Amino acid sequence: MKKLFLIVAAMFAVVSFSACSDDDDKDASIVGTWRHTREVGYEIYNGDKHEFDSICSEANHGLIFNEDGTGKDTFDGGADNFTYTVNGKTLKIKYDGDDGWAEITINELTNSSLVLYEHGEQEETTNYYTRK
């Protein structure tokens, strides 16, 4: 259970990013660098629901998706490597050294915005990203 919480906590730092392009959104791709900008959701801890809605201002927090299906979750002081797949609105991420895949729903993907939804055993969150 602790590991699940740590994985979900790591995802919070990964899933809210932004971009700076107004190209045609019908051809939008997850490939690129996304900066974490906002995190909305709640977690239930010991039966108590704790809601959050925070603006993320740390410039070093983000996700990098490479064309070859690899990527990095960046944060102050480091980065975690991962492998990913996208099938329709489903994003699957597997961090190096982890056994399983995290399944995340892509709620919105344009050239300038990526909104991800993750439902964990104890947490739900919606994260916003913009391309850098």
Protein backbone atom coordinates (compact mmCIF):
# COMPACT_ATOMS: atom_id res chain seq x y z
CA MET A 1 0.00 0.00 0.00
CA LYS A 2 2.89 2.33 0.77
CA LYS A 3 4.37 1.66 -2.66
CA LEU A 4 1.02 2.44 -4.34
CA PHE A 5 0.85 5.74 -2.47
CA LEU A 6 4.41 6.61 -3.50
CA ILE A 7 3.68 5.75 -7.13
CA VAL A 8 0.53 7.88 -7.13
CA ALA A 9 2.38 10.68 -5.34
CA ALA A 10 5.07 10.50 -8.03
CA MET A 11 2.37 10.72 -10.68
CA PHE A 12 1.05 13.92 -9.08
CA ALA A 13 4.40 15.50 -9.82
CA VAL A 14 4.28 14.19 -13.34
CA VAL A 15 0.88 14.89 -14.76
CA SER A 16 0.22 18.58 -14.98
CA PHE A 17 2.13 20.36 -17.73
CA SER A 18 1.81 23.11 -20.35
CA ALA A 19 3.00 24.09 -23.84
CA CYS A 20 3.40 27.23 -25.93
CA SER A 21 2.10 26.40 -29.41
CA ASP A 22 -1.13 27.20 -31.28
CA ASP A 23 -0.71 24.74 -34.14
CA ASP A 24 -3.60 22.67 -35.46
CA ASP A 25 -4.86 20.66 -32.45
CA LYS A 26 -6.28 17.77 -34.50
CA ASP A 27 -2.71 16.59 -35.03
CA ALA A 28 -1.75 17.06 -31.37
CA SER A 29 0.81 14.62 -30.03
CA ILE A 30 1.86 13.73 -26.51
CA VAL A 31 5.47 13.67 -27.73
CA GLY A 32 7.40 16.60 -26.31
CA THR A 33 8.12 18.34 -23.02
CA TRP A 34 5.21 19.19 -20.73
CA ARG A 35 5.41 21.39 -17.63
CA HIS A 36 3.27 20.60 -14.58
CA THR A 37 0.94 23.58 -14.06
CA ARG A 38 -2.06 22.49 -11.95
CA GLU A 39 -3.23 19.61 -9.80
CA VAL A 40 -6.86 19.01 -8.77
CA GLY A 41 -8.36 16.10 -6.89
CA TYR A 42 -8.69 14.49 -3.54
CA GLU A 43 -7.28 11.70 -1.43
CA ILE A 44 -8.90 9.71 1.31
CA TYR A 45 -6.66 9.13 4.30
CA ASN A 46 -7.92 7.26 7.37
CA GLY A 47 -11.49 7.78 6.16
CA ASP A 48 -11.13 11.56 5.79
CA LYS A 49 -11.42 13.15 2.35
CA HIS A 50 -8.83 15.85 1.66
CA GLU A 51 -9.46 17.91 -1.48
CA PHE A 52 -6.78 19.93 -3.25
CA ASP A 53 -6.56 22.38 -6.12
CA SER A 54 -3.08 23.78 -6.49
CA ILE A 55 -1.17 25.77 -9.05
CA CYS A 56 2.26 24.27 -9.63
CA SER A 57 4.92 26.90 -10.13
CA GLU A 58 8.05 24.76 -10.02
CA ALA A 59 9.69 25.20 -13.41
CA ASN A 60 11.57 21.91 -13.15
CA HIS A 61 8.51 19.65 -12.72
CA GLY A 62 7.34 18.01 -15.91
CA LEU A 63 7.04 15.09 -18.24
CA ILE A 64 9.10 14.40 -21.33
CA PHE A 65 7.61 11.96 -23.87
CA ASN A 66 10.02 10.77 -26.57
CA GLU A 67 8.91 9.38 -29.94
CA ASP A 68 10.39 5.95 -29.12
CA GLY A 69 8.00 5.27 -26.20
CA THR A 70 10.42 6.32 -23.47
CA GLY A 71 10.26 9.36 -21.25
CA LYS A 72 11.25 11.17 -18.07
CA ASP A 73 9.35 12.50 -15.08
CA THR A 74 11.41 15.54 -14.05
CA PHE A 75 11.40 17.24 -10.66
CA ASP A 76 13.71 19.41 -8.59
CA GLY A 77 16.88 17.48 -8.06
CA GLY A 78 16.23 14.58 -10.40
CA ALA A 79 14.27 12.59 -12.94
CA ASP A 80 12.65 9.16 -13.17
CA ASN A 81 12.78 7.28 -16.48
CA PHE A 82 9.71 5.49 -17.80
CA THR A 83 8.27 3.61 -20.75
CA TYR A 84 4.84 4.58 -22.10
CA THR A 85 2.16 3.63 -24.59
CA VAL A 86 -0.86 5.58 -25.83
CA ASN A 87 -3.96 3.83 -27.17
CA GLY A 88 -6.78 6.26 -27.90
CA LYS A 89 -7.44 8.13 -24.65
CA THR A 90 -5.45 5.66 -22.50
CA LEU A 91 -1.89 6.45 -21.45
CA LYS A 92 0.07 3.67 -19.75
CA ILE A 93 3.32 4.45 -17.93
CA LYS A 94 5.80 2.01 -16.39
CA TYR A 95 8.62 3.51 -14.36
CA ASP A 96 12.02 1.84 -14.56
CA GLY A 97 12.29 -0.66 -11.70
CA ASP A 98 8.51 -0.93 -11.15
CA ASP A 99 6.58 -4.12 -11.83
CA GLY A 100 3.29 -2.72 -13.11
CA TRP A 101 1.89 -0.11 -15.44
CA ALA A 102 -0.04 2.97 -14.27
CA GLU A 103 -3.14 3.54 -16.42
CA ILE A 104 -4.09 7.17 -16.94
CA THR A 105 -6.93 8.70 -18.97
CA ILE A 106 -6.12 11.53 -21.35
CA ASN A 107 -9.03 13.94 -20.81
CA GLU A 108 -7.64 16.58 -23.18
CA LEU A 109 -4.72 16.73 -25.60
CA THR A 110 -4.09 19.78 -27.76
CA ASN A 111 -0.86 21.33 -28.96
CA SER A 112 -0.80 23.48 -25.83
CA SER A 113 -2.65 21.48 -23.16
CA LEU A 114 -2.54 17.98 -21.71
CA VAL A 115 -5.09 17.07 -19.02
CA LEU A 116 -4.64 13.68 -17.39
CA TYR A 117 -6.96 11.81 -15.03
CA GLU A 118 -5.67 9.09 -12.74
CA HIS A 119 -7.76 7.03 -10.38
CA GLY A 120 -5.77 5.16 -7.78
CA GLU A 121 -6.80 2.77 -5.04
CA GLN A 122 -6.98 5.68 -2.63
CA GLU A 123 -6.65 8.78 -4.79
CA GLU A 124 -8.27 10.55 -7.71
CA THR A 125 -6.66 13.46 -9.45
CA THR A 126 -6.93 15.56 -12.55
CA ASN A 127 -3.68 17.07 -13.70
CA TYR A 128 -3.12 19.82 -16.22
CA TYR A 129 -0.08 20.16 -18.46
CA THR A 130 1.02 22.68 -21.02
CA ARG A 131 3.76 22.18 -23.56
CA LYS A 132 7.01 24.00 -22.94
